[in-house]
Protein backbone atom coordinates (compact mmCIF):
# COMPACT_ATOMS: atom_id res chain seq x y z
CA MET A 1 41.50 54.94 -50.89
CA ALA A 2 42.39 58.52 -50.40
CA SER A 3 44.66 59.17 -47.17
CA GLN A 4 43.16 61.50 -44.62
CA SER A 5 45.59 64.19 -45.46
CA ASP A 6 44.67 64.64 -49.21
CA LEU A 7 40.78 64.62 -48.40
CA ALA A 8 41.75 67.49 -45.82
CA LYS A 9 43.57 69.36 -48.62
CA LEU A 10 41.00 68.85 -50.90
CA PHE A 11 38.19 70.54 -48.64
CA SER A 12 40.34 73.20 -47.78
CA GLY A 13 41.21 73.87 -51.23
CA LEU A 14 37.61 74.08 -51.94
CA GLY A 15 37.23 76.55 -49.16
CA SER A 16 39.75 79.12 -50.09
CA ALA A 17 38.70 79.17 -53.90
CA ARG A 18 35.29 80.45 -52.60
CA PRO A 19 35.00 83.99 -52.38
CA LYS A 20 34.49 85.28 -49.14
CA THR A 21 30.83 86.05 -49.22
CA THR A 22 28.31 85.58 -46.75
CA LEU A 23 26.90 81.84 -46.84
CA GLY A 24 23.35 80.92 -47.56
CA LYS A 25 21.32 78.66 -45.84
CA ARG A 26 21.48 75.80 -48.36
CA GLN A 27 25.61 76.29 -48.65
CA LEU A 28 25.55 75.85 -44.68
CA LEU A 29 23.54 72.72 -44.88
CA THR A 30 25.82 71.12 -47.88
CA LEU A 31 29.09 71.81 -45.88
CA GLY A 32 27.55 70.21 -43.01
CA VAL A 33 26.60 66.95 -44.68
CA GLY A 34 30.17 66.85 -46.34
CA ALA A 35 31.72 67.32 -42.64
CA VAL A 36 29.53 64.05 -41.49
CA VAL A 37 30.83 62.39 -44.78
CA LEU A 38 34.49 63.22 -44.25
CA ALA A 39 34.03 62.01 -40.28
CA VAL A 40 32.94 58.70 -41.54
CA VAL A 41 35.39 57.94 -44.04
CA ILE A 42 38.23 59.09 -41.78
CA TRP A 43 36.76 56.97 -39.26
CA MET A 44 36.53 53.68 -41.54
CA SER A 45 39.94 54.20 -43.09
CA SER A 46 41.59 54.28 -39.53
CA GLY A 47 40.36 50.53 -38.56
CA ASP A 48 41.95 47.18 -39.08
CA PRO A 49 40.37 44.69 -41.25
CA VAL A 50 38.76 41.92 -38.98
CA THR A 51 40.22 38.53 -40.14
CA PRO A 52 38.16 35.80 -39.23
CA PRO A 53 39.96 32.83 -37.09
CA ALA A 54 41.16 29.74 -39.23
CA ALA A 55 39.02 26.78 -38.41
CA THR A 56 41.11 24.06 -37.02
CA PRO A 57 40.47 21.03 -39.04
CA ASN A 58 39.22 17.80 -36.71
CA THR A 59 41.65 14.99 -36.25
CA GLN A 60 40.78 11.43 -37.39
CA SER A 61 40.27 10.40 -33.89
CA ASP A 62 37.75 13.24 -33.00
CA VAL A 63 35.69 12.10 -36.00
CA ALA A 64 35.77 8.45 -34.94
CA ASP A 65 34.86 9.06 -31.49
CA ALA A 66 32.13 11.30 -32.63
CA GLU A 67 30.71 8.53 -34.49
CA GLN A 68 30.67 6.27 -31.41
CA MET A 69 27.92 5.99 -28.75
CA PRO A 70 28.55 5.78 -25.25
CA VAL A 71 26.78 2.78 -23.77
CA VAL A 72 26.55 0.33 -20.71
CA LEU A 73 26.47 -3.14 -21.37
CA ALA A 74 25.00 -5.98 -19.20
CA SER A 75 25.82 -9.73 -19.75
CA VAL A 76 22.89 -12.37 -19.99
CA ARG A 77 23.15 -15.08 -17.30
CA GLN A 78 21.56 -18.13 -16.22
CA GLY A 79 20.34 -18.58 -12.52
CA GLN A 80 17.21 -19.57 -10.40
CA PHE A 81 14.33 -16.98 -10.65
CA ASP A 82 11.45 -17.09 -8.49
CA VAL A 83 8.10 -15.89 -9.85
CA ASN A 84 6.19 -13.56 -7.42
CA LEU A 85 2.50 -12.71 -7.18
CA LEU A 86 2.68 -9.15 -6.09
CA ALA A 87 -0.30 -7.22 -4.94
CA ILE A 88 -1.67 -4.33 -2.68
CA GLY A 89 -3.37 -5.69 0.29
CA THR A 90 -5.63 -4.46 2.96
CA VAL A 91 -4.94 -5.72 6.82
CA THR A 92 -8.38 -6.87 8.00
CA PRO A 93 -8.78 -8.31 11.53
CA LEU A 94 -10.16 -11.89 12.05
CA ASN A 95 -12.41 -10.19 14.47
CA ALA A 96 -13.55 -6.74 15.42
CA VAL A 97 -16.34 -6.07 18.13
CA GLU A 98 -17.94 -3.05 18.90
CA VAL A 99 -18.89 -3.41 22.64
CA TYR A 100 -22.41 -2.35 23.71
CA GLY A 101 -23.99 -2.36 27.08
CA ARG A 102 -26.99 -5.03 27.55
CA VAL A 103 -28.56 -3.17 30.19
CA ASP A 104 -29.58 0.44 30.62
CA GLY A 105 -27.90 2.60 33.46
CA GLN A 106 -25.41 4.84 34.53
CA ILE A 107 -21.57 4.23 33.77
CA THR A 108 -19.98 4.41 37.12
CA SER A 109 -16.38 3.44 35.86
CA ILE A 110 -14.20 3.03 32.84
CA ASP A 111 -11.93 0.35 33.42
CA PHE A 112 -9.51 0.44 30.53
CA LYS A 113 -7.17 2.95 28.85
CA GLU A 114 -7.30 3.78 25.36
CA GLY A 115 -5.04 1.82 22.85
CA GLN A 116 -4.38 -0.89 25.32
CA MET A 117 -4.46 -4.50 24.91
CA VAL A 118 -6.93 -6.61 26.78
CA LYS A 119 -7.73 -10.29 27.03
CA ALA A 120 -11.11 -11.99 26.76
CA GLY A 121 -12.94 -11.71 30.13
CA ASP A 122 -11.34 -8.46 31.31
CA LEU A 123 -13.57 -5.41 33.09
CA LEU A 124 -14.05 -2.55 30.55
CA ALA A 125 -16.96 -0.43 32.42
CA GLN A 126 -19.03 -0.92 35.22
CA ILE A 127 -22.81 0.28 35.13
CA ASP A 128 -24.46 1.11 38.51
CA PRO A 129 -25.88 -2.35 39.87
CA ARG A 130 -28.10 -1.04 42.47
CA PRO A 131 -31.73 -0.83 40.30
CA PHE A 132 -30.76 -4.71 39.50
CA GLU A 133 -29.73 -5.69 43.14
CA VAL A 134 -33.23 -4.56 44.15
CA GLN A 135 -34.93 -6.16 41.49
CA LEU A 136 -33.18 -9.59 42.61
CA THR A 137 -34.33 -8.70 46.16
CA LEU A 138 -37.80 -8.55 45.00
CA ALA A 139 -37.81 -11.63 42.97
CA ALA A 140 -36.29 -13.41 45.67
CA GLY A 141 -39.03 -12.31 48.25
CA GLN A 142 -41.59 -13.32 45.69
CA LEU A 143 -40.07 -16.89 45.47
CA ALA A 144 -40.24 -17.10 49.30
CA ARG A 145 -43.82 -16.27 49.58
CA ASP A 146 -44.93 -18.63 46.75
CA GLN A 147 -42.81 -21.36 48.15
CA ALA A 148 -44.65 -20.97 51.63
CA LEU A 149 -47.90 -21.38 49.90
CA LEU A 150 -46.72 -24.67 47.93
CA ASP A 151 -45.38 -26.17 51.33
CA ASN A 152 -48.82 -25.39 52.99
CA ALA A 153 -50.73 -26.76 49.81
CA GLN A 154 -48.55 -29.86 49.82
CA ALA A 155 -49.39 -30.54 53.99
CA ASP A 156 -53.10 -30.01 52.98
CA LEU A 157 -52.99 -32.65 50.18
CA GLU A 158 -51.26 -35.24 52.51
CA ARG A 159 -54.29 -34.63 54.80
CA TYR A 160 -56.86 -34.76 52.31
CA ARG A 161 -55.55 -38.06 50.95
CA THR A 162 -55.48 -39.51 54.40
CA LEU A 163 -59.26 -38.57 54.72
CA LEU A 164 -60.06 -39.99 51.26
CA ALA A 165 -58.74 -43.28 52.36
CA GLN A 166 -61.29 -43.05 55.44
CA ASP A 167 -63.98 -42.16 53.01
CA SER A 168 -64.10 -38.99 55.17
CA ILE A 169 -63.96 -36.59 52.25
CA SER A 170 -64.84 -36.57 48.62
CA ARG A 171 -62.87 -37.44 45.80
CA GLN A 172 -63.34 -33.84 44.27
CA SER A 173 -61.85 -32.07 47.36
CA VAL A 174 -58.49 -34.22 46.76
CA ASP A 175 -58.65 -33.31 43.07
CA THR A 176 -59.19 -29.56 43.73
CA GLN A 177 -55.98 -29.71 46.40
CA GLU A 178 -53.62 -31.50 43.80
CA ALA A 179 -54.50 -28.70 41.23
CA LEU A 180 -53.83 -25.76 43.85
CA VAL A 181 -50.44 -27.67 44.76
CA ARG A 182 -49.35 -27.59 40.79
CA GLN A 183 -50.23 -23.97 40.87
CA HIS A 184 -48.15 -22.90 43.49
CA LYS A 185 -45.35 -25.12 42.15
CA ALA A 186 -45.71 -23.01 38.66
CA ALA A 187 -45.67 -19.99 40.96
CA VAL A 188 -42.41 -21.15 42.50
CA GLN A 189 -40.85 -21.77 39.17
CA ALA A 190 -41.57 -18.57 37.86
CA ASP A 191 -40.20 -17.08 40.80
CA GLN A 192 -36.92 -18.60 40.33
CA GLY A 193 -36.95 -17.85 36.75
CA SER A 194 -37.20 -14.03 37.75
CA ILE A 195 -34.31 -14.24 40.30
CA ASP A 196 -32.38 -15.89 37.34
CA ASN A 197 -33.14 -13.16 34.93
CA ALA A 198 -32.47 -10.45 37.95
CA LYS A 199 -28.82 -12.33 38.72
CA LEU A 200 -28.06 -12.12 34.54
CA GLN A 201 -29.04 -8.58 34.32
CA LEU A 202 -26.80 -7.82 37.40
CA SER A 203 -24.28 -9.40 36.01
CA HIS A 204 -24.36 -7.42 32.64
CA THR A 205 -23.52 -4.25 34.80
CA LYS A 206 -20.01 -5.59 34.57
CA VAL A 207 -18.99 -4.89 30.75
CA ILE A 208 -16.39 -7.29 29.93
CA ALA A 209 -14.21 -7.76 26.99
CA PRO A 210 -15.51 -10.37 24.62
CA ILE A 211 -12.42 -11.06 22.55
CA SER A 212 -8.75 -10.46 23.16
CA GLY A 213 -7.01 -7.48 21.23
CA ARG A 214 -6.43 -3.75 21.15
CA VAL A 215 -9.27 -1.30 22.37
CA GLY A 216 -9.64 2.02 20.41
CA LEU A 217 -10.42 5.37 21.84
CA ARG A 218 -13.49 5.24 24.06
CA GLN A 219 -17.11 6.32 22.78
CA ILE A 220 -18.74 7.41 25.98
CA ASP A 221 -17.59 8.59 29.35
CA LYS A 222 -18.20 7.83 32.84
CA GLY A 223 -21.33 9.37 34.47
CA ASN A 224 -23.27 8.89 31.03
CA MET A 225 -26.41 7.20 30.68
CA LEU A 226 -26.00 3.76 28.82
CA ARG A 227 -28.94 2.43 26.69
CA ALA A 228 -28.73 -1.38 25.54
CA SER A 229 -30.65 -0.01 22.22
CA GLY A 230 -28.38 3.04 21.94
CA ALA A 231 -26.49 3.59 18.55
CA LYS A 232 -23.46 4.27 20.44
CA GLY A 233 -21.39 1.43 21.78
CA ILE A 234 -18.54 1.96 24.49
CA VAL A 235 -15.56 1.11 22.75
CA VAL A 236 -14.13 -1.07 19.46
CA ILE A 237 -12.01 -4.20 20.15
CA THR A 238 -9.65 -5.23 17.32
CA GLN A 239 -8.11 -8.66 17.07
CA LEU A 240 -4.38 -8.44 16.17
CA GLN A 241 -3.11 -11.65 16.71
CA PRO A 242 -3.49 -13.41 14.49
CA ILE A 243 -4.48 -10.69 11.91
CA SER A 244 -5.26 -11.34 8.09
CA VAL A 245 -4.52 -9.70 4.72
CA VAL A 246 -7.06 -9.57 2.00
CA PHE A 247 -5.74 -8.98 -1.44
CA THR A 248 -6.28 -9.63 -5.33
CA ALA A 249 -5.00 -11.69 -7.92
CA PRO A 250 -5.48 -11.55 -11.53
CA GLU A 251 -7.86 -14.44 -12.59
CA ASP A 252 -5.06 -15.78 -14.93
CA ALA A 253 -3.10 -16.54 -12.02
CA LEU A 254 -6.02 -18.28 -10.28
CA PRO A 255 -5.41 -22.07 -11.67
CA GLN A 256 -2.12 -21.98 -10.16
CA VAL A 257 -2.95 -20.39 -7.02
CA MET A 258 -5.73 -23.08 -6.55
CA LYS A 259 -3.48 -26.02 -7.32
CA LEU A 260 -0.80 -24.70 -4.81
CA LEU A 261 -3.57 -23.87 -2.17
CA GLY A 262 -4.71 -27.48 -2.31
CA SER A 263 -1.30 -28.91 -2.34
CA GLU A 264 0.90 -26.82 0.12
CA ARG A 265 1.38 -24.14 2.31
CA ILE A 266 2.05 -21.05 0.35
CA ALA A 267 4.18 -18.45 2.16
CA VAL A 268 3.25 -14.67 1.67
CA ASN A 269 5.30 -12.00 2.81
CA ALA A 270 3.69 -8.33 3.53
CA TYR A 271 5.94 -5.12 3.04
CA ASP A 272 5.44 -1.49 4.05
CA ARG A 273 4.77 1.35 1.60
CA SER A 274 8.29 1.94 0.55
CA GLN A 275 8.52 -1.60 0.06
CA GLU A 276 11.97 -1.69 2.39
CA ARG A 277 10.52 -3.16 5.36
CA ASN A 278 9.40 -6.77 5.85
CA LEU A 279 6.41 -6.46 8.31
CA GLY A 280 5.64 -10.13 8.69
CA LYS A 281 5.46 -13.70 7.06
CA GLY A 282 2.05 -15.49 6.82
CA TRP A 283 0.32 -18.25 5.08
CA LEU A 284 -2.17 -18.25 2.55
CA LEU A 285 -5.57 -19.02 4.04
CA ALA A 286 -8.33 -19.08 1.43
CA ALA A 287 -9.62 -17.82 -1.80
CA ASP A 288 -12.93 -16.21 -2.55
CA ASN A 289 -15.55 -18.01 -4.17
CA LYS A 290 -16.17 -15.76 -7.30
CA ILE A 291 -14.29 -13.28 -9.56
CA ASP A 292 -15.26 -9.75 -9.56
CA PRO A 293 -16.20 -9.17 -13.31
CA SER A 294 -15.51 -5.56 -13.19
CA THR A 295 -11.96 -5.75 -12.34
CA GLY A 296 -11.20 -9.61 -13.48
CA THR A 297 -9.53 -10.27 -10.02
CA ILE A 298 -10.25 -12.84 -7.22
CA LYS A 299 -9.81 -11.95 -3.48
CA LEU A 300 -7.28 -14.00 -1.53
CA LYS A 301 -6.80 -13.99 2.36
CA ALA A 302 -3.67 -14.55 4.15
CA GLU A 303 -3.18 -15.09 7.90
CA PHE A 304 -0.10 -13.37 9.93
CA PRO A 305 1.02 -14.52 13.49
CA ASN A 306 1.65 -10.65 13.86
CA ALA A 307 3.51 -11.40 17.29
CA ASP A 308 5.30 -7.78 17.03
CA ASN A 309 1.85 -6.05 16.35
CA ALA A 310 3.56 -4.69 13.12
CA LEU A 311 0.38 -5.04 11.13
CA PHE A 312 -2.80 -2.61 12.09
CA ALA A 313 -6.29 -3.02 10.86
CA ASN A 314 -6.95 -1.11 7.65
CA GLN A 315 -3.58 -0.71 6.89
CA PHE A 316 -2.26 -1.00 3.30
CA VAL A 317 0.73 -3.42 2.48
CA ASN A 318 2.57 -4.49 -0.38
CA ILE A 319 2.26 -8.36 -0.91
CA LYS A 320 4.96 -10.75 -2.29
CA MET A 321 3.53 -14.53 -2.76
CA PRO A 322 5.90 -16.82 -4.53
CA VAL A 323 3.80 -19.09 -6.87
CA GLN A 324 6.62 -20.72 -9.24
CA SER A 325 10.61 -21.23 -9.03
CA LEU A 326 12.69 -21.33 -12.23
CA ALA A 327 15.89 -23.18 -11.72
CA LYS A 328 17.57 -22.66 -14.82
CA ALA A 329 16.28 -19.41 -16.54
CA THR A 330 18.13 -17.13 -18.69
CA LEU A 331 18.11 -13.58 -17.12
CA MET A 332 18.88 -10.30 -18.26
CA PRO A 333 18.26 -6.66 -16.83
CA THR A 334 14.75 -5.30 -17.66
CA ALA A 335 16.46 -1.93 -18.34
CA ALA A 336 17.55 -3.71 -21.91
CA ILE A 337 14.64 -4.18 -23.01
CA GLN A 338 13.24 -2.04 -26.13
CA ARG A 339 9.65 -1.71 -27.52
CA GLY A 340 8.85 -1.57 -31.21
CA ALA A 341 6.15 -1.93 -33.70
CA LYS A 342 7.24 -5.74 -34.36
CA GLY A 343 7.40 -6.26 -30.19
CA SER A 344 10.23 -6.41 -27.80
CA PHE A 345 14.02 -6.40 -28.80
CA VAL A 346 17.28 -5.61 -27.46
CA TYR A 347 20.67 -3.99 -28.76
CA GLN A 348 23.10 -6.88 -28.60
CA LEU A 349 26.75 -6.34 -28.87
CA LYS A 350 28.79 -8.16 -31.90
CA ASP A 351 32.42 -8.46 -32.53
CA ASN A 352 33.35 -5.45 -34.07
CA GLN A 353 32.16 -3.08 -31.81
CA THR A 354 28.56 -2.51 -33.36
CA VAL A 355 25.07 -3.48 -32.11
CA THR A 356 22.35 -5.40 -33.85
CA VAL A 357 18.64 -5.25 -33.24
CA THR A 358 17.74 -8.70 -31.94
CA PRO A 359 13.75 -9.72 -31.46
CA VAL A 360 13.49 -11.50 -27.78
CA LYS A 361 10.43 -13.59 -26.61
CA LEU A 362 10.11 -12.61 -22.52
CA GLY A 363 8.85 -14.37 -19.72
CA ALA A 364 8.35 -13.55 -16.08
CA ASN A 365 9.20 -9.85 -15.05
CA GLN A 366 10.26 -9.20 -11.28
CA GLY A 367 11.25 -5.57 -10.77
CA ASP A 368 15.24 -5.23 -12.44
CA THR A 369 15.38 -8.80 -13.80
CA THR A 370 13.37 -10.23 -16.84
CA VAL A 371 13.28 -14.05 -17.93
CA VAL A 372 14.14 -14.43 -21.53
CA LEU A 373 12.35 -17.17 -23.61
CA SER A 374 14.20 -17.12 -26.71
CA GLY A 375 16.23 -14.85 -28.76
CA LEU A 376 19.62 -14.79 -26.39
CA SER A 377 22.10 -17.04 -25.42
CA VAL A 378 23.69 -16.82 -21.80
CA GLY A 379 26.62 -14.75 -22.01
CA SER A 380 25.61 -12.40 -24.72
CA GLN A 381 25.95 -8.72 -24.16
CA VAL A 382 23.09 -6.38 -24.30
CA VAL A 383 22.75 -2.41 -23.97
CA VAL A 384 21.14 -1.30 -20.82
CA GLU A 385 22.16 2.16 -20.91
CA GLY A 386 22.50 4.78 -23.89
CA ALA A 387 20.16 2.94 -26.10
CA ASP A 388 17.82 5.55 -27.23
CA ARG A 389 20.16 6.97 -30.07
CA LEU A 390 21.27 3.43 -31.13
CA ARG A 391 20.25 1.79 -34.70
CA GLU A 392 21.16 -1.29 -36.31
CA GLY A 393 24.84 -1.43 -37.12
CA ALA A 394 25.73 1.67 -34.79
CA LYS A 395 29.33 1.82 -33.44
CA ILE A 396 29.49 2.35 -29.80
CA LYS A 397 31.78 2.89 -27.22
CA VAL A 398 31.50 0.84 -23.53
CA ILE A 399 31.96 3.43 -20.94
CA GLY A 400 30.54 0.72 -18.01
CA GLN A 401 29.43 -2.74 -17.47
CA ALA A 402 26.64 -3.97 -15.32
CA THR A 403 27.22 -6.16 -12.26
CA PRO A 404 24.80 -8.78 -11.02
CA VAL A 405 24.52 -8.91 -7.37
CA ALA A 406 22.01 -10.70 -5.12
CA SER A 407 19.38 -8.79 -4.09
CA ASN A 408 18.42 -8.11 -0.08
CA ALA A 409 14.79 -9.51 0.36
CA SER A 410 14.46 -6.66 2.49
CA ARG A 411 14.66 -4.06 -0.11
CA GLY A 412 11.06 -4.76 -1.08
CA ALA A 413 8.59 -6.98 -2.72
CA SER A 414 8.83 -5.36 -6.19
CA ARG A 415 12.47 -6.77 -6.42
CA GLY A 416 13.39 -9.85 -8.07
CA LEU A 417 15.85 -12.48 -6.66
CA GLU A 418 18.63 -10.47 -8.22
CA THR A 419 19.12 -6.90 -9.34
CA MET A 420 21.43 -5.11 -11.54
CA ILE A 421 23.32 -2.30 -10.21
CA LEU A 422 25.52 -0.35 -12.62
CA SER A 423 29.23 0.45 -12.09
CA ARG A 424 30.37 3.15 -14.45
CA SER A 425 34.00 4.60 -15.52
CA LEU A 426 34.25 8.40 -15.28
CA SER A 427 37.07 8.72 -18.00
CA LEU A 428 35.39 8.36 -21.60
């Protein structure tokens, strides 16, 4: 390649050899293009060639680590496993009463506070009793009048009978008097009924609680007219102690549930929405008499003492009801289960730090734990994390071991008897 000085001399020689004449436009254009080419050549010749960095070859250990898949393992174990029926239930009161007035009248007082607990027989409201007291007075007066007429008719009858014995009066007069006495007796009985009715209506002016429970928000205020035939009641009372929960069970579980229902007392636990807090323990009360064909489920009802009022009417709860207990079941973490075209399988650890695809037959499942019916033996190691990149015979690198711990029942209804937690090493 020509150096910068040689190129400069070449162009300067060309300029000196040309006679000093006036340059035309084409010559000026040629000199400009040449100057640009010279500048480009000088710039390219002054730069150092770029040498790409030499690639550092991978070591044998790095290649080996790149082929190993990091995984977390867990051991297949043997233990007791409780099979539970899990469902979502609705809290339903055993009794819920909307209290209406039984007589028409103006409300003079409201004798309860909204949301308070009441007992059967407690006074809830007072209706103006004065119109009914007047009716009672009128009925009592009518009774007194008819009683006086009856007494007079009976006295006349005794005299008539005496005269008849003396053959001083006709038999017809005596019969007529006896009929009059019976007429007055009937009037007295009717008057007594009027008095009893007036007393009953007067008693209805005091609205009392028909059941024990919690009252809701009042639907009518003091001073309003209350109609016995009206559509609006005074308040709704809901029984909370005891209370029931209605939930559904699949029809496949019905034979087992009915068998237990006829032979023993089945415990039922209710949990809150987060499945962390146990709201109460009750007992299965009854099963419905038919299966819902649209859902393939049957309704079950459980009764709870609800001593702490943790359950409210129409509350949604998570139900956990044990239906079977397996004493020596083969258990493994649910996270190890993989699904394929041929069914369920797991990646099982072999002695040479590789994994093999092992088909398994699964049983009951409760949250983090699954019963293995066949395919694995107690003590086998299965992959619970990192299985998405594995295949038959793949080499693995164990970075953690799952540890089985006893579960806390208060952690929720969806948890099994035991759960699996993962303890992972931070160093690879």
